[in-house]
Amino acid sequence: MAEKETQTTEKSITHIFALRTTSNREDQVIDFIGSNITKKKIDVYCVIRPHGMRGYIFLEAADKASAEQAAFNVPYARGILAKEIEYKEIEHMLEQVKKEANIRKNDIAEIISGPFKREQCKIMRIDRTKEEVVVELLEAAVPIPITVKIDAVKVIRRDDESSDDEEEKKEEAKEEKKTRYQEEEKEEKIEGVDEKDFYE
């Protein structure tokens, strides 16, 4: 029983290997390796190319044989390095992907960090590029706009499923319809002028 458990654990453990490549050909090597992995069903789970690093890519595989098989006969690939790479050695090169917060204007939220922690607020404006929101505290006697980080608020209630967004969309549709109508009207007038001139 213990032997079976050990085998299962060993299978689930992955290893990281560095593959030397021709400089500036890393993307092509990745494409070829991806194709190899799919066709031959090789146990390589991830191909990593750290931003700004030239001449190397990393393969996360079940074992060294799988990594070598994936890189076998791949143009611009110069071979797998003998020593296995530990995750902590490349961790600083990897970018953490942030999940976009599901937050909208007029949402009622709770501030979860900072000096206004546990205060309820209303989302007034969202700046996704700076990852900030402008909020107004609900309990404040005078509504003062406060700017906080987007991850410092947690949505607790959504009013009318963002009726504000719907209103904006309706307004845009109205404007579009109005513009289209005006253009059609212009065309009709122009056509009328042409006809009169022609008959005169």
N, C-alpha and C. Protein backbone atom coordinates (compact mmCIF):
# COMPACT_ATOMS: atom_id res chain seq x y z
N MET A 1 0.84 -1.21 0.00
CA MET A 1 0.00 0.00 0.00
C MET A 1 0.88 1.27 0.00
N ALA A 2 1.90 1.26 0.85
CA ALA A 2 2.82 2.40 0.95
C ALA A 2 3.56 2.62 -0.35
N GLU A 3 3.93 1.49 -1.05
CA GLU A 3 4.65 1.59 -2.32
C GLU A 3 3.79 2.28 -3.37
N LYS A 4 2.51 1.91 -3.44
CA LYS A 4 1.58 2.51 -4.40
C LYS A 4 1.46 4.01 -4.18
N GLU A 5 1.34 4.43 -2.93
CA GLU A 5 1.22 5.84 -2.59
C GLU A 5 2.46 6.60 -3.03
N THR A 6 3.65 6.00 -2.81
CA THR A 6 4.92 6.64 -3.19
C THR A 6 4.98 6.83 -4.70
N GLN A 7 4.55 5.81 -5.45
CA GLN A 7 4.56 5.89 -6.91
C GLN A 7 3.66 7.02 -7.41
N THR A 8 2.47 7.13 -6.81
CA THR A 8 1.52 8.19 -7.19
C THR A 8 2.12 9.57 -6.94
N THR A 9 2.77 9.72 -5.77
CA THR A 9 3.38 11.00 -5.42
C THR A 9 4.48 11.35 -6.41
N GLU A 10 5.32 10.34 -6.76
CA GLU A 10 6.41 10.57 -7.70
C GLU A 10 5.90 11.04 -9.06
N LYS A 11 4.80 10.45 -9.50
CA LYS A 11 4.23 10.80 -10.80
C LYS A 11 3.74 12.25 -10.82
N SER A 12 3.17 12.70 -9.69
CA SER A 12 2.60 14.04 -9.66
C SER A 12 3.66 15.14 -9.51
N ILE A 13 4.89 14.78 -9.10
CA ILE A 13 5.96 15.75 -8.95
C ILE A 13 6.51 16.10 -10.33
N THR A 14 6.64 17.41 -10.61
CA THR A 14 7.21 17.83 -11.89
C THR A 14 8.60 18.40 -11.67
N HIS A 15 9.36 18.48 -12.75
CA HIS A 15 10.74 18.96 -12.69
C HIS A 15 10.93 20.04 -13.75
N ILE A 16 11.80 20.99 -13.46
CA ILE A 16 12.06 22.08 -14.41
C ILE A 16 13.46 21.90 -14.98
N PHE A 17 13.53 21.98 -16.31
CA PHE A 17 14.82 21.83 -17.01
C PHE A 17 15.04 23.03 -17.92
N ALA A 18 16.32 23.45 -18.03
CA ALA A 18 16.66 24.57 -18.91
C ALA A 18 17.09 24.03 -20.27
N LEU A 19 16.59 24.65 -21.31
CA LEU A 19 16.96 24.27 -22.67
C LEU A 19 17.69 25.45 -23.30
N ARG A 20 18.94 25.19 -23.75
CA ARG A 20 19.70 26.25 -24.42
C ARG A 20 19.19 26.40 -25.85
N THR A 21 19.05 27.65 -26.31
CA THR A 21 18.58 27.90 -27.67
C THR A 21 19.48 28.93 -28.35
N THR A 22 19.33 29.05 -29.66
CA THR A 22 20.00 30.13 -30.37
C THR A 22 19.34 31.43 -29.94
N SER A 23 20.14 32.45 -29.66
CA SER A 23 19.61 33.73 -29.19
C SER A 23 18.64 34.33 -30.21
N ASN A 24 17.57 34.87 -29.69
CA ASN A 24 16.48 35.49 -30.49
C ASN A 24 15.65 34.48 -31.30
N ARG A 25 15.82 33.20 -31.03
CA ARG A 25 15.01 32.17 -31.71
C ARG A 25 14.13 31.41 -30.71
N GLU A 26 13.99 31.97 -29.51
CA GLU A 26 13.27 31.29 -28.43
C GLU A 26 11.81 31.00 -28.81
N ASP A 27 11.15 31.98 -29.43
CA ASP A 27 9.73 31.80 -29.79
C ASP A 27 9.53 30.67 -30.79
N GLN A 28 10.46 30.57 -31.76
CA GLN A 28 10.35 29.50 -32.76
C GLN A 28 10.55 28.13 -32.10
N VAL A 29 11.51 28.07 -31.17
CA VAL A 29 11.77 26.81 -30.45
C VAL A 29 10.52 26.41 -29.66
N ILE A 30 9.88 27.38 -29.01
CA ILE A 30 8.66 27.12 -28.24
C ILE A 30 7.57 26.55 -29.15
N ASP A 31 7.41 27.13 -30.34
CA ASP A 31 6.40 26.64 -31.30
C ASP A 31 6.66 25.19 -31.69
N PHE A 32 7.94 24.87 -32.02
CA PHE A 32 8.30 23.50 -32.41
C PHE A 32 8.08 22.52 -31.27
N ILE A 33 8.46 22.94 -30.06
CA ILE A 33 8.30 22.07 -28.88
C ILE A 33 6.82 21.83 -28.60
N GLY A 34 6.01 22.88 -28.70
CA GLY A 34 4.57 22.76 -28.50
C GLY A 34 3.96 21.76 -29.47
N SER A 35 4.42 21.82 -30.72
CA SER A 35 3.94 20.89 -31.75
C SER A 35 4.35 19.45 -31.41
N ASN A 36 5.61 19.28 -30.97
CA ASN A 36 6.12 17.95 -30.56
C ASN A 36 5.30 17.36 -29.41
N ILE A 37 5.04 18.20 -28.42
CA ILE A 37 4.31 17.75 -27.22
C ILE A 37 2.92 17.25 -27.60
N THR A 38 2.25 18.00 -28.48
CA THR A 38 0.89 17.63 -28.91
C THR A 38 0.89 16.35 -29.74
N LYS A 39 1.79 16.29 -30.72
CA LYS A 39 1.83 15.13 -31.63
C LYS A 39 2.22 13.84 -30.91
N LYS A 40 3.29 13.92 -30.10
CA LYS A 40 3.84 12.72 -29.47
C LYS A 40 3.28 12.45 -28.07
N LYS A 41 2.42 13.37 -27.59
CA LYS A 41 1.82 13.26 -26.24
C LYS A 41 2.89 13.06 -25.17
N ILE A 42 3.84 14.00 -25.16
CA ILE A 42 4.96 13.95 -24.21
C ILE A 42 4.53 14.60 -22.90
N ASP A 43 5.07 14.10 -21.80
CA ASP A 43 4.73 14.63 -20.47
C ASP A 43 5.49 15.91 -20.15
N VAL A 44 5.24 16.95 -20.96
CA VAL A 44 5.77 18.29 -20.69
C VAL A 44 4.55 19.17 -20.46
N TYR A 45 4.49 19.78 -19.27
CA TYR A 45 3.27 20.48 -18.86
C TYR A 45 3.30 21.98 -19.12
N CYS A 46 4.51 22.52 -19.25
CA CYS A 46 4.61 23.97 -19.38
C CYS A 46 5.95 24.34 -20.03
N VAL A 47 5.91 25.33 -20.93
CA VAL A 47 7.13 25.87 -21.53
C VAL A 47 7.20 27.33 -21.12
N ILE A 48 8.30 27.73 -20.49
CA ILE A 48 8.41 29.07 -19.93
C ILE A 48 9.52 29.85 -20.63
N ARG A 49 9.18 31.06 -21.05
CA ARG A 49 10.20 31.95 -21.60
C ARG A 49 10.19 33.24 -20.78
N PRO A 50 11.11 33.38 -19.82
CA PRO A 50 11.11 34.59 -19.00
C PRO A 50 11.39 35.82 -19.86
N HIS A 51 10.66 36.89 -19.61
CA HIS A 51 10.77 38.12 -20.38
C HIS A 51 12.20 38.69 -20.27
N GLY A 52 12.78 39.00 -21.43
CA GLY A 52 14.11 39.63 -21.46
C GLY A 52 15.28 38.66 -21.37
N MET A 53 15.02 37.38 -21.15
CA MET A 53 16.10 36.40 -21.05
C MET A 53 16.36 35.78 -22.42
N ARG A 54 17.59 35.82 -22.88
CA ARG A 54 17.92 35.29 -24.20
C ARG A 54 18.71 34.00 -24.10
N GLY A 55 18.45 33.12 -25.08
CA GLY A 55 19.25 31.90 -25.19
C GLY A 55 18.81 30.74 -24.31
N TYR A 56 17.76 30.92 -23.53
CA TYR A 56 17.26 29.84 -22.66
C TYR A 56 15.75 29.87 -22.59
N ILE A 57 15.15 28.69 -22.53
CA ILE A 57 13.75 28.55 -22.15
C ILE A 57 13.68 27.42 -21.12
N PHE A 58 12.60 27.34 -20.39
CA PHE A 58 12.48 26.32 -19.35
C PHE A 58 11.29 25.41 -19.63
N LEU A 59 11.50 24.13 -19.38
CA LEU A 59 10.44 23.14 -19.58
C LEU A 59 10.07 22.52 -18.24
N GLU A 60 8.78 22.50 -17.95
CA GLU A 60 8.30 21.79 -16.75
C GLU A 60 7.80 20.44 -17.24
N ALA A 61 8.49 19.37 -16.82
CA ALA A 61 8.19 18.03 -17.35
C ALA A 61 8.16 17.00 -16.24
N ALA A 62 7.65 15.80 -16.60
CA ALA A 62 7.59 14.70 -15.63
C ALA A 62 8.99 14.23 -15.26
N ASP A 63 9.89 14.23 -16.25
CA ASP A 63 11.29 13.81 -16.02
C ASP A 63 12.17 14.37 -17.14
N LYS A 64 13.48 14.15 -17.00
CA LYS A 64 14.44 14.71 -17.97
C LYS A 64 14.25 14.08 -19.35
N ALA A 65 13.91 12.79 -19.39
CA ALA A 65 13.72 12.10 -20.67
C ALA A 65 12.60 12.76 -21.47
N SER A 66 11.52 13.15 -20.80
CA SER A 66 10.39 13.82 -21.47
C SER A 66 10.82 15.17 -22.04
N ALA A 67 11.60 15.92 -21.24
CA ALA A 67 12.09 17.23 -21.70
C ALA A 67 12.98 17.06 -22.92
N GLU A 68 13.88 16.05 -22.87
CA GLU A 68 14.79 15.80 -24.00
C GLU A 68 14.02 15.36 -25.25
N GLN A 69 13.00 14.54 -25.05
CA GLN A 69 12.18 14.07 -26.16
C GLN A 69 11.45 15.24 -26.84
N ALA A 70 10.97 16.18 -26.03
CA ALA A 70 10.27 17.35 -26.56
C ALA A 70 11.20 18.24 -27.39
N ALA A 71 12.49 18.29 -26.99
CA ALA A 71 13.45 19.15 -27.68
C ALA A 71 14.22 18.42 -28.78
N PHE A 72 13.98 17.14 -28.92
CA PHE A 72 14.72 16.32 -29.89
C PHE A 72 14.47 16.79 -31.33
N ASN A 73 15.56 17.03 -32.07
CA ASN A 73 15.52 17.46 -33.49
C ASN A 73 14.79 18.79 -33.72
N VAL A 74 14.68 19.61 -32.69
CA VAL A 74 14.02 20.91 -32.83
C VAL A 74 15.05 21.93 -33.32
N PRO A 75 14.76 22.62 -34.43
CA PRO A 75 15.71 23.62 -34.93
C PRO A 75 15.97 24.69 -33.88
N TYR A 76 17.21 25.14 -33.79
CA TYR A 76 17.69 26.19 -32.87
C TYR A 76 17.73 25.76 -31.41
N ALA A 77 17.39 24.50 -31.11
CA ALA A 77 17.52 23.99 -29.73
C ALA A 77 18.90 23.37 -29.58
N ARG A 78 19.62 23.75 -28.52
CA ARG A 78 21.02 23.30 -28.36
C ARG A 78 21.22 22.31 -27.23
N GLY A 79 20.15 21.80 -26.69
CA GLY A 79 20.27 20.76 -25.67
C GLY A 79 19.84 21.17 -24.28
N ILE A 80 19.38 20.16 -23.53
CA ILE A 80 18.92 20.35 -22.14
C ILE A 80 20.14 20.37 -21.23
N LEU A 81 20.17 21.31 -20.30
CA LEU A 81 21.27 21.35 -19.32
C LEU A 81 21.17 20.17 -18.37
N ALA A 82 22.32 19.66 -17.96
CA ALA A 82 22.36 18.45 -17.13
C ALA A 82 21.67 18.65 -15.78
N LYS A 83 21.89 19.83 -15.17
CA LYS A 83 21.36 20.07 -13.82
C LYS A 83 19.90 20.54 -13.87
N GLU A 84 19.10 19.95 -13.00
CA GLU A 84 17.69 20.35 -12.88
C GLU A 84 17.61 21.74 -12.23
N ILE A 85 16.63 22.53 -12.65
CA ILE A 85 16.45 23.89 -12.11
C ILE A 85 15.41 23.85 -11.00
N GLU A 86 15.72 24.52 -9.89
CA GLU A 86 14.74 24.63 -8.81
C GLU A 86 13.83 25.82 -9.07
N TYR A 87 12.56 25.68 -8.70
CA TYR A 87 11.57 26.73 -8.97
C TYR A 87 12.01 28.09 -8.40
N LYS A 88 12.60 28.08 -7.20
CA LYS A 88 12.97 29.35 -6.56
C LYS A 88 14.05 30.10 -7.35
N GLU A 89 14.82 29.37 -8.21
CA GLU A 89 15.85 30.01 -9.02
C GLU A 89 15.24 30.87 -10.13
N ILE A 90 14.06 30.50 -10.61
CA ILE A 90 13.44 31.28 -11.70
C ILE A 90 12.18 32.03 -11.27
N GLU A 91 11.78 31.86 -10.02
CA GLU A 91 10.53 32.47 -9.51
C GLU A 91 10.50 33.98 -9.73
N HIS A 92 11.66 34.66 -9.49
CA HIS A 92 11.71 36.12 -9.62
C HIS A 92 11.56 36.59 -11.07
N MET A 93 11.77 35.67 -12.03
CA MET A 93 11.64 36.02 -13.45
C MET A 93 10.20 35.92 -13.94
N LEU A 94 9.36 35.23 -13.18
CA LEU A 94 7.98 34.99 -13.61
C LEU A 94 7.06 36.09 -13.12
N GLU A 95 6.15 36.48 -13.99
CA GLU A 95 5.21 37.55 -13.67
C GLU A 95 3.92 36.93 -13.14
N GLN A 96 3.48 37.43 -12.01
CA GLN A 96 2.21 36.95 -11.45
C GLN A 96 1.06 37.54 -12.24
N VAL A 97 0.17 36.69 -12.75
CA VAL A 97 -0.99 37.16 -13.51
C VAL A 97 -2.11 37.47 -12.53
N LYS A 98 -2.54 38.72 -12.56
CA LYS A 98 -3.62 39.13 -11.65
C LYS A 98 -4.96 38.93 -12.32
N LYS A 99 -5.86 38.38 -11.56
CA LYS A 99 -7.22 38.19 -12.06
C LYS A 99 -7.94 39.53 -11.97
N GLU A 100 -8.59 39.92 -13.07
CA GLU A 100 -9.27 41.21 -13.09
C GLU A 100 -10.46 41.19 -12.13
N ALA A 101 -10.51 42.23 -11.30
CA ALA A 101 -11.58 42.32 -10.30
C ALA A 101 -12.90 42.62 -10.97
N ASN A 102 -13.94 41.90 -10.53
CA ASN A 102 -15.29 42.12 -11.07
C ASN A 102 -15.94 43.24 -10.27
N ILE A 103 -15.66 44.46 -10.69
CA ILE A 103 -16.13 45.63 -9.94
C ILE A 103 -16.68 46.65 -10.94
N ARG A 104 -17.80 47.28 -10.59
CA ARG A 104 -18.44 48.24 -11.49
C ARG A 104 -18.80 49.52 -10.75
N LYS A 105 -19.03 50.57 -11.53
CA LYS A 105 -19.46 51.84 -10.96
C LYS A 105 -20.81 51.64 -10.26
N ASN A 106 -21.00 52.31 -9.12
CA ASN A 106 -22.22 52.27 -8.29
C ASN A 106 -22.35 51.00 -7.44
N ASP A 107 -21.37 50.09 -7.50
CA ASP A 107 -21.38 48.92 -6.61
C ASP A 107 -21.22 49.39 -5.17
N ILE A 108 -21.85 48.66 -4.25
CA ILE A 108 -21.64 48.91 -2.83
C ILE A 108 -20.57 47.92 -2.37
N ALA A 109 -19.51 48.45 -1.77
CA ALA A 109 -18.37 47.60 -1.39
C ALA A 109 -17.95 47.85 0.05
N GLU A 110 -17.08 46.97 0.53
CA GLU A 110 -16.51 47.12 1.87
C GLU A 110 -15.01 47.28 1.70
N ILE A 111 -14.44 48.25 2.40
CA ILE A 111 -12.98 48.44 2.35
C ILE A 111 -12.35 47.40 3.27
N ILE A 112 -11.40 46.61 2.73
CA ILE A 112 -10.86 45.49 3.51
C ILE A 112 -9.44 45.72 4.02
N SER A 113 -8.85 46.88 3.67
CA SER A 113 -7.53 47.21 4.21
C SER A 113 -7.34 48.72 4.26
N GLY A 114 -6.36 49.14 5.05
CA GLY A 114 -6.08 50.58 5.17
C GLY A 114 -6.82 51.23 6.33
N PRO A 115 -6.72 52.56 6.44
CA PRO A 115 -7.31 53.27 7.59
C PRO A 115 -8.84 53.21 7.63
N PHE A 116 -9.49 52.96 6.49
CA PHE A 116 -10.96 52.90 6.45
C PHE A 116 -11.48 51.46 6.44
N LYS A 117 -10.67 50.55 6.94
CA LYS A 117 -11.04 49.12 6.96
C LYS A 117 -12.39 48.91 7.63
N ARG A 118 -13.22 48.02 7.02
CA ARG A 118 -14.57 47.64 7.45
C ARG A 118 -15.63 48.70 7.15
N GLU A 119 -15.23 49.83 6.57
CA GLU A 119 -16.22 50.86 6.19
C GLU A 119 -16.89 50.46 4.88
N GLN A 120 -18.20 50.73 4.78
CA GLN A 120 -18.90 50.46 3.52
C GLN A 120 -18.85 51.71 2.65
N CYS A 121 -18.77 51.48 1.34
CA CYS A 121 -18.61 52.60 0.42
C CYS A 121 -19.32 52.33 -0.90
N LYS A 122 -19.44 53.39 -1.70
CA LYS A 122 -20.02 53.27 -3.04
C LYS A 122 -18.93 53.57 -4.05
N ILE A 123 -18.83 52.73 -5.09
CA ILE A 123 -17.81 52.92 -6.13
C ILE A 123 -18.27 54.03 -7.06
N MET A 124 -17.47 55.10 -7.14
CA MET A 124 -17.82 56.25 -7.97
C MET A 124 -17.09 56.24 -9.32
N ARG A 125 -15.83 55.80 -9.29
CA ARG A 125 -15.04 55.77 -10.52
C ARG A 125 -14.01 54.66 -10.44
N ILE A 126 -13.70 54.04 -11.60
CA ILE A 126 -12.72 52.95 -11.65
C ILE A 126 -11.62 53.30 -12.64
N ASP A 127 -10.36 53.20 -12.19
CA ASP A 127 -9.21 53.41 -13.08
C ASP A 127 -8.44 52.09 -13.13
N ARG A 128 -8.73 51.29 -14.18
CA ARG A 128 -8.12 49.96 -14.27
C ARG A 128 -6.64 50.00 -14.60
N THR A 129 -6.20 51.07 -15.27
CA THR A 129 -4.77 51.17 -15.61
C THR A 129 -3.92 51.38 -14.35
N LYS A 130 -4.42 52.22 -13.44
CA LYS A 130 -3.71 52.47 -12.17
C LYS A 130 -4.11 51.47 -11.09
N GLU A 131 -5.13 50.64 -11.41
CA GLU A 131 -5.68 49.68 -10.45
C GLU A 131 -6.17 50.38 -9.18
N GLU A 132 -6.94 51.44 -9.40
CA GLU A 132 -7.49 52.23 -8.29
C GLU A 132 -8.98 52.48 -8.49
N VAL A 133 -9.67 52.72 -7.37
CA VAL A 133 -11.09 53.11 -7.43
C VAL A 133 -11.31 54.34 -6.56
N VAL A 134 -12.23 55.18 -7.02
CA VAL A 134 -12.63 56.34 -6.20
C VAL A 134 -13.94 55.96 -5.55
N VAL A 135 -13.98 56.05 -4.21
CA VAL A 135 -15.17 55.63 -3.46
C VAL A 135 -15.68 56.76 -2.58
N GLU A 136 -16.93 56.64 -2.16
CA GLU A 136 -17.51 57.55 -1.16
C GLU A 136 -18.01 56.70 -0.01
N LEU A 137 -17.63 57.07 1.21
CA LEU A 137 -18.05 56.32 2.39
C LEU A 137 -19.54 56.55 2.65
N LEU A 138 -20.27 55.46 2.91
CA LEU A 138 -21.72 55.56 3.11
C LEU A 138 -22.07 56.18 4.46
N GLU A 139 -21.23 55.95 5.46
CA GLU A 139 -21.52 56.42 6.82
C GLU A 139 -21.06 57.87 7.04
N ALA A 140 -20.29 58.42 6.11
CA ALA A 140 -19.73 59.77 6.30
C ALA A 140 -20.84 60.81 6.23
N ALA A 141 -20.74 61.84 7.11
CA ALA A 141 -21.74 62.92 7.15
C ALA A 141 -21.68 63.73 5.85
N VAL A 142 -20.46 63.96 5.37
CA VAL A 142 -20.26 64.67 4.10
C VAL A 142 -19.57 63.71 3.14
N PRO A 143 -20.16 63.45 1.94
CA PRO A 143 -19.51 62.51 1.01
C PRO A 143 -18.21 63.08 0.44
N ILE A 144 -17.11 62.45 0.80
CA ILE A 144 -15.79 62.89 0.29
C ILE A 144 -15.21 61.76 -0.56
N PRO A 145 -14.80 62.06 -1.81
CA PRO A 145 -14.20 61.00 -2.64
C PRO A 145 -12.84 60.57 -2.10
N ILE A 146 -12.66 59.26 -1.98
CA ILE A 146 -11.39 58.69 -1.48
C ILE A 146 -10.86 57.71 -2.53
N THR A 147 -9.58 57.82 -2.83
CA THR A 147 -8.98 56.89 -3.80
C THR A 147 -8.28 55.76 -3.05
N VAL A 148 -8.64 54.52 -3.38
CA VAL A 148 -8.01 53.34 -2.78
C VAL A 148 -7.65 52.34 -3.88
N LYS A 149 -6.77 51.41 -3.55
CA LYS A 149 -6.38 50.37 -4.51
C LYS A 149 -7.59 49.45 -4.76
N ILE A 150 -7.66 48.96 -6.00
CA ILE A 150 -8.81 48.13 -6.41
C ILE A 150 -8.92 46.85 -5.57
N ASP A 151 -7.75 46.32 -5.10
CA ASP A 151 -7.80 45.09 -4.30
C ASP A 151 -8.04 45.37 -2.82
N ALA A 152 -8.27 46.65 -2.48
CA ALA A 152 -8.57 47.01 -1.08
C ALA A 152 -10.06 47.07 -0.83
N VAL A 153 -10.87 46.79 -1.89
CA VAL A 153 -12.32 46.78 -1.72
C VAL A 153 -12.92 45.45 -2.15
N LYS A 154 -14.01 45.09 -1.47
CA LYS A 154 -14.72 43.84 -1.78
C LYS A 154 -16.19 44.18 -2.02
N VAL A 155 -16.68 43.82 -3.22
CA VAL A 155 -18.08 44.13 -3.58
C VAL A 155 -19.02 43.30 -2.70
N ILE A 156 -19.98 44.00 -2.06
CA ILE A 156 -20.95 43.27 -1.22
C ILE A 156 -22.37 43.35 -1.79
N ARG A 157 -22.61 44.36 -2.65
CA ARG A 157 -23.95 44.48 -3.25
C ARG A 157 -23.85 45.22 -4.57
N ARG A 158 -24.64 44.75 -5.53
CA ARG A 158 -24.66 45.40 -6.84
C ARG A 158 -26.07 45.94 -7.07
N ASP A 159 -26.18 47.26 -7.26
CA ASP A 159 -27.49 47.89 -7.46
C ASP A 159 -27.98 47.70 -8.88
N ASP A 160 -29.15 47.04 -9.01
CA ASP A 160 -29.83 46.83 -10.29
C ASP A 160 -28.92 46.32 -11.40
N GLU A 161 -28.00 45.43 -11.00
CA GLU A 161 -27.07 44.83 -11.98
C GLU A 161 -26.50 45.89 -12.92
N SER A 162 -25.88 46.89 -12.28
CA SER A 162 -25.21 47.97 -13.02
C SER A 162 -26.13 48.67 -14.01
N SER A 163 -27.20 49.26 -13.45
CA SER A 163 -28.15 49.99 -14.28
C SER A 163 -27.48 51.18 -14.96
N ASP A 164 -26.42 51.68 -14.33
CA ASP A 164 -25.70 52.82 -14.88
C ASP A 164 -25.08 52.47 -16.24
N ASP A 165 -24.48 51.28 -16.31
CA ASP A 165 -23.88 50.80 -17.56
C ASP A 165 -24.95 50.69 -18.64
N GLU A 166 -26.10 50.17 -18.25
CA GLU A 166 -27.19 49.99 -19.21
C GLU A 166 -27.68 51.34 -19.74
N GLU A 167 -27.76 52.34 -18.84
CA GLU A 167 -28.18 53.68 -19.25
C GLU A 167 -27.21 54.27 -20.26
N GLU A 168 -25.90 54.07 -19.98
CA GLU A 168 -24.87 54.57 -20.89
C GLU A 168 -25.02 53.93 -22.27
N LYS A 169 -25.25 52.61 -22.28
CA LYS A 169 -25.41 51.89 -23.55
C LYS A 169 -26.63 52.40 -24.31
N LYS A 170 -27.74 52.65 -23.57
CA LYS A 170 -28.96 53.17 -24.20
C LYS A 170 -28.70 54.53 -24.84
N GLU A 171 -27.98 55.39 -24.10
CA GLU A 171 -27.67 56.73 -24.61
C GLU A 171 -26.84 56.65 -25.88
N GLU A 172 -25.82 55.75 -25.86
CA GLU A 172 -24.97 55.56 -27.03
C GLU A 172 -25.79 55.11 -28.23
N ALA A 173 -26.71 54.15 -28.00
CA ALA A 173 -27.56 53.64 -29.08
C ALA A 173 -28.45 54.75 -29.65
N LYS A 174 -29.00 55.62 -28.75
CA LYS A 174 -29.84 56.74 -29.18
C LYS A 174 -29.06 57.68 -30.09
N GLU A 175 -27.84 58.03 -29.63
CA GLU A 175 -26.98 58.95 -30.40
C GLU A 175 -26.66 58.38 -31.77
N GLU A 176 -26.35 57.09 -31.79
CA GLU A 176 -26.01 56.41 -33.06
C GLU A 176 -27.19 56.46 -34.02
N LYS A 177 -28.40 56.20 -33.49
CA LYS A 177 -29.63 56.19 -34.30
C LYS A 177 -29.90 57.60 -34.85
N LYS A 178 -29.72 58.61 -34.00
CA LYS A 178 -29.94 60.00 -34.37
C LYS A 178 -28.99 60.41 -35.50
N THR A 179 -27.71 60.05 -35.36
CA THR A 179 -26.70 60.37 -36.38
C THR A 179 -27.06 59.72 -37.70
N ARG A 180 -27.44 58.43 -37.64
CA ARG A 180 -27.80 57.69 -38.85
C ARG A 180 -29.00 58.35 -39.56
N TYR A 181 -29.99 58.78 -38.76
CA TYR A 181 -31.19 59.42 -39.31
C TYR A 181 -30.84 60.74 -39.99
N GLN A 182 -29.96 61.53 -39.33
CA GLN A 182 -29.54 62.81 -39.90
C GLN A 182 -28.80 62.62 -41.22
N GLU A 183 -27.94 61.57 -41.28
CA GLU A 183 -27.19 61.29 -42.50
C GLU A 183 -28.14 60.91 -43.64
N GLU A 184 -29.14 60.08 -43.32
CA GLU A 184 -30.13 59.66 -44.33
C GLU A 184 -30.91 60.87 -44.84
N GLU A 185 -31.28 61.77 -43.91
CA GLU A 185 -32.02 62.98 -44.26
C GLU A 185 -31.21 63.85 -45.21
N LYS A 186 -29.91 64.00 -44.91
CA LYS A 186 -29.01 64.78 -45.75
C LYS A 186 -28.98 64.22 -47.16
N GLU A 187 -28.83 62.91 -47.25
CA GLU A 187 -28.75 62.23 -48.55
C GLU A 187 -30.02 62.50 -49.37
N GLU A 188 -31.19 62.44 -48.70
CA GLU A 188 -32.46 62.68 -49.38
C GLU A 188 -32.53 64.10 -49.93
N LYS A 189 -32.08 65.09 -49.12
CA LYS A 189 -32.09 66.49 -49.54
C LYS A 189 -31.19 66.70 -50.74
N ILE A 190 -30.01 66.11 -50.70
CA ILE A 190 -29.04 66.23 -51.79
C ILE A 190 -29.63 65.66 -53.08
N GLU A 191 -30.24 64.48 -52.94
CA GLU A 191 -30.87 63.84 -54.10
C GLU A 191 -31.96 64.75 -54.67
N GLY A 192 -32.79 65.38 -53.83
CA GLY A 192 -33.86 66.28 -54.25
C GLY A 192 -33.32 67.47 -55.01
N VAL A 193 -32.23 68.07 -54.54
CA VAL A 193 -31.61 69.22 -55.19
C VAL A 193 -31.14 68.83 -56.58
N ASP A 194 -30.50 67.69 -56.66
CA ASP A 194 -29.99 67.20 -57.95
C ASP A 194 -31.11 67.05 -58.96
N GLU A 195 -32.25 66.49 -58.54
CA GLU A 195 -33.38 66.25 -59.43
C GLU A 195 -33.95 67.56 -59.95
N LYS A 196 -34.15 68.58 -59.09
CA LYS A 196 -34.70 69.88 -59.50
C LYS A 196 -33.79 70.54 -60.53
N ASP A 197 -32.49 70.53 -60.21
CA ASP A 197 -31.53 71.14 -61.14
C ASP A 197 -31.60 70.47 -62.50
N PHE A 198 -31.76 69.17 -62.48
CA PHE A 198 -31.79 68.39 -63.73
C PHE A 198 -33.01 68.75 -64.58
N TYR A 199 -34.20 68.89 -63.93
CA TYR A 199 -35.44 69.18 -64.66
C TYR A 199 -35.49 70.63 -65.13
N GLU A 200 -34.88 71.55 -64.37
CA GLU A 200 -34.87 72.95 -64.78
C GLU A 200 -34.03 73.13 -66.04
